[in-house]
PDB file of N, CA and C in Angstrom:
ATOM      1  N   MET A   1      32.672 -56.554 131.454  1.00  0.00           N
ATOM      2  CA  MET A   1      32.616 -57.955 131.163  1.00  0.00           C
ATOM      3  C   MET A   1      34.028 -58.467 130.928  1.00  0.00           C
ATOM      4  N   THR A   2      34.356 -59.552 131.591  1.00  0.00           N
ATOM      5  CA  THR A   2      35.627 -60.225 131.363  1.00  0.00           C
ATOM      6  C   THR A   2      35.349 -61.716 131.275  1.00  0.00           C
ATOM      7  N   LEU A   3      35.912 -62.341 130.252  1.00  0.00           N
ATOM      8  CA  LEU A   3      35.738 -63.775 130.055  1.00  0.00           C
ATOM      9  C   LEU A   3      37.117 -64.381 129.861  1.00  0.00           C
ATOM     10  N   ALA A   4      37.475 -65.337 130.702  1.00  0.00           N
ATOM     11  CA  ALA A   4      38.756 -66.034 130.586  1.00  0.00           C
ATOM     12  C   ALA A   4      38.484 -67.482 130.197  1.00  0.00           C
ATOM     13  N   ARG A   5      39.280 -67.985 129.295  1.00  0.00           N
ATOM     14  CA  ARG A   5      39.160 -69.376 128.876  1.00  0.00           C
ATOM     15  C   ARG A   5      40.542 -70.023 128.863  1.00  0.00           C
ATOM     16  N   ILE A   6      40.574 -71.291 129.228  1.00  0.00           N
ATOM     17  CA  ILE A   6      41.780 -72.103 129.114  1.00  0.00           C
ATOM     18  C   ILE A   6      41.392 -73.338 128.332  1.00  0.00           C
ATOM     19  N   LEU A   7      42.000 -73.497 127.174  1.00  0.00           N
ATOM     20  CA  LEU A   7      41.723 -74.652 126.322  1.00  0.00           C
ATOM     21  C   LEU A   7      42.957 -75.544 126.306  1.00  0.00           C
ATOM     22  N   VAL A   8      42.787 -76.814 126.658  1.00  0.00           N
ATOM     23  CA  VAL A   8      43.895 -77.763 126.707  1.00  0.00           C
ATOM     24  C   VAL A   8      43.768 -78.710 125.514  1.00  0.00           C
ATOM     25  N   PHE A   9      44.837 -78.814 124.743  1.00  0.00           N
ATOM     26  CA  PHE A   9      44.879 -79.648 123.548  1.00  0.00           C
ATOM     27  C   PHE A   9      45.723 -80.884 123.813  1.00  0.00           C
ATOM     28  N   GLU A  10      45.587 -81.870 122.964  1.00  0.00           N
ATOM     29  CA  GLU A  10      46.376 -83.095 123.114  1.00  0.00           C
ATOM     30  C   GLU A  10      47.856 -82.854 122.858  1.00  0.00           C
ATOM     31  N   THR A  11      48.157 -81.874 121.987  1.00  0.00           N
ATOM     32  CA  THR A  11      49.550 -81.599 121.630  1.00  0.00           C
ATOM     33  C   THR A  11      49.785 -80.093 121.552  1.00  0.00           C
ATOM     34  N   ALA A  12      51.047 -79.695 121.668  1.00  0.00           N
ATOM     35  CA  ALA A  12      51.417 -78.294 121.494  1.00  0.00           C
ATOM     36  C   ALA A  12      51.122 -77.803 120.071  1.00  0.00           C
ATOM     37  N   PRO A  13      51.385 -78.628 119.023  1.00  0.00           N
ATOM     38  CA  PRO A  13      51.019 -78.181 117.678  1.00  0.00           C
ATOM     39  C   PRO A  13      49.508 -77.950 117.522  1.00  0.00           C
ATOM     40  N   GLY A  14      48.709 -78.729 118.222  1.00  0.00           N
ATOM     41  CA  GLY A  14      47.265 -78.508 118.183  1.00  0.00           C
ATOM     42  C   GLY A  14      46.899 -77.156 118.774  1.00  0.00           C
ATOM     43  N   ALA A  15      47.545 -76.792 119.883  1.00  0.00           N
ATOM     44  CA  ALA A  15      47.312 -75.486 120.500  1.00  0.00           C
ATOM     45  C   ALA A  15      47.762 -74.369 119.558  1.00  0.00           C
ATOM     46  N   GLN A  16      48.905 -74.561 118.900  1.00  0.00           N
ATOM     47  CA  GLN A  16      49.401 -73.558 117.953  1.00  0.00           C
ATOM     48  C   GLN A  16      48.450 -73.406 116.777  1.00  0.00           C
ATOM     49  N   ALA A  17      47.908 -74.511 116.295  1.00  0.00           N
ATOM     50  CA  ALA A  17      46.960 -74.458 115.180  1.00  0.00           C
ATOM     51  C   ALA A  17      45.711 -73.680 115.577  1.00  0.00           C
ATOM     52  N   TYR A  18      45.226 -73.887 116.799  1.00  0.00           N
ATOM     53  CA  TYR A  18      44.048 -73.152 117.260  1.00  0.00           C
ATOM     54  C   TYR A  18      44.348 -71.659 117.371  1.00  0.00           C
ATOM     55  N   LEU A  19      45.512 -71.318 117.907  1.00  0.00           N
ATOM     56  CA  LEU A  19      45.887 -69.910 118.022  1.00  0.00           C
ATOM     57  C   LEU A  19      45.947 -69.257 116.643  1.00  0.00           C
ATOM     58  N   GLY A  20      46.479 -69.971 115.658  1.00  0.00           N
ATOM     59  CA  GLY A  20      46.499 -69.465 114.283  1.00  0.00           C
ATOM     60  C   GLY A  20      45.101 -69.293 113.728  1.00  0.00           C
ATOM     61  N   TRP A  21      44.224 -70.274 114.013  1.00  0.00           N
ATOM     62  CA  TRP A  21      42.832 -70.171 113.560  1.00  0.00           C
ATOM     63  C   TRP A  21      42.159 -68.955 114.196  1.00  0.00           C
ATOM     64  N   LEU A  22      42.391 -68.767 115.488  1.00  0.00           N
ATOM     65  CA  LEU A  22      41.787 -67.637 116.194  1.00  0.00           C
ATOM     66  C   LEU A  22      42.233 -66.311 115.590  1.00  0.00           C
ATOM     67  N   GLU A  23      43.513 -66.206 115.277  1.00  0.00           N
ATOM     68  CA  GLU A  23      44.039 -64.984 114.672  1.00  0.00           C
ATOM     69  C   GLU A  23      43.418 -64.734 113.299  1.00  0.00           C
ATOM     70  N   ASP A  24      43.197 -65.793 112.533  1.00  0.00           N
ATOM     71  CA  ASP A  24      42.600 -65.669 111.196  1.00  0.00           C
ATOM     72  C   ASP A  24      41.092 -65.420 111.242  1.00  0.00           C
ATOM     73  N   HIS A  25      40.436 -65.782 112.346  1.00  0.00           N
ATOM     74  CA  HIS A  25      38.972 -65.699 112.436  1.00  0.00           C
ATOM     75  C   HIS A  25      38.498 -64.803 113.575  1.00  0.00           C
ATOM     76  N   VAL A  26      39.326 -63.848 113.984  1.00  0.00           N
ATOM     77  CA  VAL A  26      38.963 -62.982 115.107  1.00  0.00           C
ATOM     78  C   VAL A  26      37.649 -62.244 114.849  1.00  0.00           C
ATOM     79  N   ASP A  27      37.372 -61.907 113.586  1.00  0.00           N
ATOM     80  CA  ASP A  27      36.116 -61.211 113.278  1.00  0.00           C
ATOM     81  C   ASP A  27      34.900 -62.079 113.600  1.00  0.00           C
ATOM     82  N   ASP A  28      35.057 -63.390 113.526  1.00  0.00           N
ATOM     83  CA  ASP A  28      33.962 -64.294 113.881  1.00  0.00           C
ATOM     84  C   ASP A  28      33.770 -64.384 115.395  1.00  0.00           C
ATOM     85  N   VAL A  29      34.806 -64.038 116.145  1.00  0.00           N
ATOM     86  CA  VAL A  29      34.763 -64.172 117.602  1.00  0.00           C
ATOM     87  C   VAL A  29      34.295 -62.880 118.273  1.00  0.00           C
ATOM     88  N   ILE A  30      34.892 -61.728 117.915  1.00  0.00           N
ATOM     89  CA  ILE A  30      34.518 -60.465 118.579  1.00  0.00           C
ATOM     90  C   ILE A  30      34.017 -59.405 117.606  1.00  0.00           C
ATOM     91  N   GLY A  31      33.806 -59.758 116.370  1.00  0.00           N
ATOM     92  CA  GLY A  31      33.339 -58.768 115.396  1.00  0.00           C
ATOM     93  C   GLY A  31      34.511 -58.135 114.671  1.00  0.00           C
ATOM     94  N   ASN A  32      34.216 -57.117 113.888  1.00  0.00           N
ATOM     95  CA  ASN A  32      35.231 -56.433 113.095  1.00  0.00           C
ATOM     96  C   ASN A  32      36.331 -55.918 114.019  1.00  0.00           C
ATOM     97  N   ALA A  33      37.520 -56.500 113.916  1.00  0.00           N
ATOM     98  CA  ALA A  33      38.599 -56.185 114.852  1.00  0.00           C
ATOM     99  C   ALA A  33      39.896 -55.957 114.112  1.00  0.00           C
ATOM    100  N   ARG A  34      40.797 -55.262 114.780  1.00  0.00           N
ATOM    101  CA  ARG A  34      42.122 -55.023 114.208  1.00  0.00           C
ATOM    102  C   ARG A  34      43.175 -55.373 115.247  1.00  0.00           C
ATOM    103  N   PRO A  35      44.355 -55.793 114.802  1.00  0.00           N
ATOM    104  CA  PRO A  35      45.414 -56.110 115.763  1.00  0.00           C
ATOM    105  C   PRO A  35      45.909 -54.849 116.461  1.00  0.00           C
ATOM    106  N   VAL A  36      46.339 -55.011 117.686  1.00  0.00           N
ATOM    107  CA  VAL A  36      46.929 -53.913 118.452  1.00  0.00           C
ATOM    108  C   VAL A  36      48.421 -54.175 118.509  1.00  0.00           C
ATOM    109  N   ASP A  37      49.192 -53.256 117.941  1.00  0.00           N
ATOM    110  CA  ASP A  37      50.647 -53.385 117.920  1.00  0.00           C
ATOM    111  C   ASP A  37      51.265 -52.447 118.949  1.00  0.00           C
ATOM    112  N   GLY A  38      52.524 -52.660 119.230  1.00  0.00           N
ATOM    113  CA  GLY A  38      53.262 -51.759 120.100  1.00  0.00           C
ATOM    114  C   GLY A  38      53.077 -52.030 121.584  1.00  0.00           C
ATOM    115  N   LEU A  39      52.504 -53.176 121.929  1.00  0.00           N
ATOM    116  CA  LEU A  39      52.348 -53.526 123.340  1.00  0.00           C
ATOM    117  C   LEU A  39      53.533 -54.367 123.792  1.00  0.00           C
ATOM    118  N   SER A  40      53.828 -54.294 125.057  1.00  0.00           N
ATOM    119  CA  SER A  40      54.883 -55.125 125.625  1.00  0.00           C
ATOM    120  C   SER A  40      54.248 -56.420 126.119  1.00  0.00           C
ATOM    121  N   VAL A  41      54.132 -57.386 125.199  1.00  0.00           N
ATOM    122  CA  VAL A  41      53.542 -58.690 125.519  1.00  0.00           C
ATOM    123  C   VAL A  41      54.509 -59.779 125.079  1.00  0.00           C
ATOM    124  N   PRO A  42      54.403 -60.957 125.667  1.00  0.00           N
ATOM    125  CA  PRO A  42      55.301 -62.050 125.271  1.00  0.00           C
ATOM    126  C   PRO A  42      55.147 -62.409 123.790  1.00  0.00           C
ATOM    127  N   ASP A  43      56.230 -62.906 123.191  1.00  0.00           N
ATOM    128  CA  ASP A  43      56.194 -63.354 121.799  1.00  0.00           C
ATOM    129  C   ASP A  43      55.082 -64.373 121.626  1.00  0.00           C
ATOM    130  N   GLY A  44      54.377 -64.278 120.514  1.00  0.00           N
ATOM    131  CA  GLY A  44      53.318 -65.221 120.215  1.00  0.00           C
ATOM    132  C   GLY A  44      51.953 -64.831 120.765  1.00  0.00           C
ATOM    133  N   THR A  45      51.910 -63.764 121.566  1.00  0.00           N
ATOM    134  CA  THR A  45      50.637 -63.294 122.108  1.00  0.00           C
ATOM    135  C   THR A  45      49.945 -62.447 121.055  1.00  0.00           C
ATOM    136  N   ILE A  46      48.646 -62.672 120.871  1.00  0.00           N
ATOM    137  CA  ILE A  46      47.882 -61.855 119.930  1.00  0.00           C
ATOM    138  C   ILE A  46      46.921 -60.976 120.724  1.00  0.00           C
ATOM    139  N   VAL A  47      46.773 -59.731 120.264  1.00  0.00           N
ATOM    140  CA  VAL A  47      45.867 -58.772 120.898  1.00  0.00           C
ATOM    141  C   VAL A  47      45.082 -58.091 119.791  1.00  0.00           C
ATOM    142  N   PHE A  48      43.763 -58.145 119.887  1.00  0.00           N
ATOM    143  CA  PHE A  48      42.877 -57.508 118.921  1.00  0.00           C
ATOM    144  C   PHE A  48      41.872 -56.639 119.653  1.00  0.00           C
ATOM    145  N   VAL A  49      41.452 -55.554 119.001  1.00  0.00           N
ATOM    146  CA  VAL A  49      40.419 -54.691 119.572  1.00  0.00           C
ATOM    147  C   VAL A  49      39.303 -54.503 118.550  1.00  0.00           C
ATOM    148  N   HIS A  50      38.087 -54.555 119.061  1.00  0.00           N
ATOM    149  CA  HIS A  50      36.879 -54.283 118.268  1.00  0.00           C
ATOM    150  C   HIS A  50      36.316 -52.960 118.766  1.00  0.00           C
ATOM    151  N   GLN A  51      36.212 -51.996 117.860  1.00  0.00           N
ATOM    152  CA  GLN A  51      35.642 -50.694 118.209  1.00  0.00           C
ATOM    153  C   GLN A  51      34.129 -50.733 118.010  1.00  0.00           C
ATOM    154  N   PRO A  52      33.371 -50.151 118.926  1.00  0.00           N
ATOM    155  CA  PRO A  52      31.919 -50.158 118.762  1.00  0.00           C
ATOM    156  C   PRO A  52      31.474 -49.344 117.558  1.00  0.00           C
ATOM    157  N   ASN A  53      30.390 -49.777 116.956  1.00  0.00           N
ATOM    158  CA  ASN A  53      29.776 -49.046 115.860  1.00  0.00           C
ATOM    159  C   ASN A  53      29.075 -47.822 116.454  1.00  0.00           C
ATOM    160  N   PRO A  54      29.396 -46.617 115.983  1.00  0.00           N
ATOM    161  CA  PRO A  54      28.778 -45.410 116.557  1.00  0.00           C
ATOM    162  C   PRO A  54      27.254 -45.396 116.404  1.00  0.00           C
ATOM    163  N   CYS A  55      26.731 -46.165 115.464  1.00  0.00           N
ATOM    164  CA  CYS A  55      25.276 -46.207 115.264  1.00  0.00           C
ATOM    165  C   CYS A  55      24.582 -47.126 116.263  1.00  0.00           C
ATOM    166  N   CYS A  56      25.337 -47.966 116.950  1.00  0.00           N
ATOM    167  CA  CYS A  56      24.763 -48.915 117.914  1.00  0.00           C
ATOM    168  C   CYS A  56      25.180 -48.489 119.315  1.00  0.00           C
ATOM    169  N   HIS A  57      24.298 -47.818 120.020  1.00  0.00           N
ATOM    170  CA  HIS A  57      24.649 -47.238 121.324  1.00  0.00           C
ATOM    171  C   HIS A  57      24.868 -48.277 122.413  1.00  0.00           C
ATOM    172  N   SER A  58      24.387 -49.498 122.221  1.00  0.00           N
ATOM    173  CA  SER A  58      24.571 -50.517 123.252  1.00  0.00           C
ATOM    174  C   SER A  58      25.848 -51.339 123.048  1.00  0.00           C
ATOM    175  N   GLU A  59      26.505 -51.178 121.899  1.00  0.00           N
ATOM    176  CA  GLU A  59      27.729 -51.930 121.621  1.00  0.00           C
ATOM    177  C   GLU A  59      28.905 -51.285 122.347  1.00  0.00           C
ATOM    178  N   THR A  60      29.814 -52.111 122.852  1.00  0.00           N
ATOM    179  CA  THR A  60      30.979 -51.593 123.563  1.00  0.00           C
ATOM    180  C   THR A  60      32.265 -52.098 122.923  1.00  0.00           C
ATOM    181  N   ARG A  61      33.375 -51.494 123.311  1.00  0.00           N
ATOM    182  CA  ARG A  61      34.692 -51.906 122.834  1.00  0.00           C
ATOM    183  C   ARG A  61      35.009 -53.285 123.422  1.00  0.00           C
ATOM    184  N   LEU A  62      35.602 -54.156 122.623  1.00  0.00           N
ATOM    185  CA  LEU A  62      36.022 -55.484 123.083  1.00  0.00           C
ATOM    186  C   LEU A  62      37.498 -55.672 122.765  1.00  0.00           C
ATOM    187  N   VAL A  63      38.204 -56.291 123.667  1.00  0.00           N
ATOM    188  CA  VAL A  63      39.613 -56.622 123.464  1.00  0.00           C
ATOM    189  C   VAL A  63      39.746 -58.128 123.640  1.00  0.00           C
ATOM    190  N   LEU A  64      40.445 -58.762 122.716  1.00  0.00           N
ATOM    191  CA  LEU A  64      40.734 -60.190 122.795  1.00  0.00           C
ATOM    192  C   LEU A  64      42.245 -60.367 122.884  1.00  0.00           C
ATOM    193  N   VAL A  65      42.683 -61.091 123.896  1.00  0.00           N
ATOM    194  CA  VAL A  65      44.098 -61.420 124.081  1.00  0.00           C
ATOM    195  C   VAL A  65      44.200 -62.940 124.134  1.00  0.00           C
ATOM    196  N   ALA A  66      45.158 -63.503 123.427  1.00  0.00           N
ATOM    197  CA  ALA A  66      45.335 -64.955 123.442  1.00  0.00           C
ATOM    198  C   ALA A  66      46.816 -65.301 123.354  1.00  0.00           C
ATOM    199  N   TRP A  67      47.187 -66.375 124.029  1.00  0.00           N
ATOM    200  CA  TRP A  67      48.563 -66.842 123.976  1.00  0.00           C
ATOM    201  C   TRP A  67      48.598 -68.344 124.233  1.00  0.00           C
ATOM    202  N   LYS A  68      49.698 -68.952 123.824  1.00  0.00           N
ATOM    203  CA  LYS A  68      49.889 -70.396 123.948  1.00  0.00           C
ATOM    204  C   LYS A  68      50.959 -70.673 124.981  1.00  0.00           C
ATOM    205  N   ASP A  69      50.717 -71.706 125.773  1.00  0.00           N
ATOM    206  CA  ASP A  69      51.698 -72.183 126.738  1.00  0.00           C
ATOM    207  C   ASP A  69      51.734 -73.700 126.609  1.00  0.00           C
ATOM    208  N   SER A  70      52.672 -74.202 125.827  1.00  0.00           N
ATOM    209  CA  SER A  70      52.793 -75.628 125.537  1.00  0.00           C
ATOM    210  C   SER A  70      51.525 -76.133 124.842  1.00  0.00           C
ATOM    211  N   ASP A  71      50.747 -77.004 125.489  1.00  0.00           N
ATOM    212  CA  ASP A  71      49.550 -77.555 124.862  1.00  0.00           C
ATOM    213  C   ASP A  71      48.274 -76.822 125.277  1.00  0.00           C
ATOM    214  N   THR A  72      48.430 -75.627 125.811  1.00  0.00           N
ATOM    215  CA  THR A  72      47.309 -74.853 126.341  1.00  0.00           C
ATOM    216  C   THR A  72      47.224 -73.496 125.657  1.00  0.00           C
ATOM    217  N   VAL A  73      45.998 -73.073 125.321  1.00  0.00           N
ATOM    218  CA  VAL A  73      45.762 -71.718 124.824  1.00  0.00           C
ATOM    219  C   VAL A  73      44.905 -71.002 125.867  1.00  0.00           C
ATOM    220  N   LYS A  74      45.339 -69.822 126.243  1.00  0.00           N
ATOM    221  CA  LYS A  74      44.612 -69.010 127.218  1.00  0.00           C
ATOM    222  C   LYS A  74      44.100 -67.769 126.508  1.00  0.00           C
ATOM    223  N   THR A  75      42.836 -67.436 126.755  1.00  0.00           N
ATOM    224  CA  THR A  75      42.259 -66.247 126.131  1.00  0.00           C
ATOM    225  C   THR A  75      41.576 -65.395 127.181  1.00  0.00           C
ATOM    226  N   LEU A  76      41.608 -64.096 126.937  1.00  0.00           N
ATOM    227  CA  LEU A  76      40.861 -63.118 127.728  1.00  0.00           C
ATOM    228  C   LEU A  76      40.064 -62.258 126.765  1.00  0.00           C
ATOM    229  N   GLU A  77      38.785 -62.118 127.029  1.00  0.00           N
ATOM    230  CA  GLU A  77      37.941 -61.151 126.323  1.00  0.00           C
ATOM    231  C   GLU A  77      37.522 -60.126 127.356  1.00  0.00           C
ATOM    232  N   ILE A  78      37.830 -58.873 127.078  1.00  0.00           N
ATOM    233  CA  ILE A  78      37.530 -57.787 128.000  1.00  0.00           C
ATOM    234  C   ILE A  78      36.677 -56.785 127.255  1.00  0.00           C
ATOM    235  N   GLY A  79      35.565 -56.395 127.840  1.00  0.00           N
ATOM    236  CA  GLY A  79      34.680 -55.458 127.169  1.00  0.00           C
ATOM    237  C   GLY A  79      33.922 -54.599 128.151  1.00  0.00           C
ATOM    238  N   GLY A  80      33.240 -53.625 127.598  1.00  0.00           N
ATOM    239  CA  GLY A  80      32.422 -52.738 128.417  1.00  0.00           C
ATOM    240  C   GLY A  80      32.941 -51.323 128.407  1.00  0.00           C
ATOM    241  N   GLN A  81      32.273 -50.509 129.157  1.00  0.00           N
ATOM    242  CA  GLN A  81      32.602 -49.082 129.203  1.00  0.00           C
ATOM    243  C   GLN A  81      33.956 -48.811 129.867  1.00  0.00           C
ATOM    244  N   VAL A  82      34.480 -49.762 130.631  1.00  0.00           N
ATOM    245  CA  VAL A  82      35.740 -49.518 131.338  1.00  0.00           C
ATOM    246  C   VAL A  82      36.965 -49.712 130.461  1.00  0.00           C
ATOM    247  N   VAL A  83      36.808 -50.283 129.273  1.00  0.00           N
ATOM    248  CA  VAL A  83      37.955 -50.506 128.384  1.00  0.00           C
ATOM    249  C   VAL A  83      38.244 -49.192 127.660  1.00  0.00           C
ATOM    250  N   LYS A  84      39.313 -48.542 128.045  1.00  0.00           N
ATOM    251  CA  LYS A  84      39.695 -47.244 127.481  1.00  0.00           C
ATOM    252  C   LYS A  84      40.792 -47.437 126.454  1.00  0.00           C
ATOM    253  N   MET A  85      40.820 -46.591 125.452  1.00  0.00           N
ATOM    254  CA  MET A  85      41.869 -46.694 124.436  1.00  0.00           C
ATOM    255  C   MET A  85      43.232 -46.398 125.009  1.00  0.00           C
ATOM    256  N   SER A  86      43.317 -45.633 126.120  1.00  0.00           N
ATOM    257  CA  SER A  86      44.629 -45.385 126.698  1.00  0.00           C
ATOM    258  C   SER A  86      45.214 -46.678 127.270  1.00  0.00           C
ATOM    259  N   SER A  87      44.336 -47.654 127.597  1.00  0.00           N
ATOM    260  CA  SER A  87      44.795 -48.951 128.071  1.00  0.00           C
ATOM    261  C   SER A  87      45.207 -49.847 126.918  1.00  0.00           C
ATOM    262  N   CYS A  88      44.659 -49.598 125.732  1.00  0.00           N
ATOM    263  CA  CYS A  88      44.938 -50.398 124.531  1.00  0.00           C
ATOM    264  C   CYS A  88      45.351 -49.443 123.417  1.00  0.00           C
ATOM    265  N   PRO A  89      46.641 -49.120 123.357  1.00  0.00           N
ATOM    266  CA  PRO A  89      47.090 -48.135 122.370  1.00  0.00           C
ATOM    267  C   PRO A  89      46.715 -48.525 120.946  1.00  0.00           C
ATOM    268  N   SER A  90      46.507 -47.534 120.122  1.00  0.00           N
ATOM    269  CA  SER A  90      46.160 -47.782 118.709  1.00  0.00           C
ATOM    270  C   SER A  90      47.358 -48.246 117.943  1.00  0.00           C
TER     271      SER A  90
END
């Protein structure tokens, strides 16, 4: 599963405010998640990973990536069995 979104705001500060909200509320978006550090991504890009609960066999790993470009916020949610930890370092 891959979901891409482009959100256009009236102002760049509005886009920045949304990106800050997303970072503060990532658990509401993809569940219990932690930031992924050590990636080579542009400044201001946020990357979070949600690990599946071992008790829930149908739950999969989810990765959320978001960044701002002027008055636009772009997000990618990537999930499923194909998301390997070697692709998203701990």
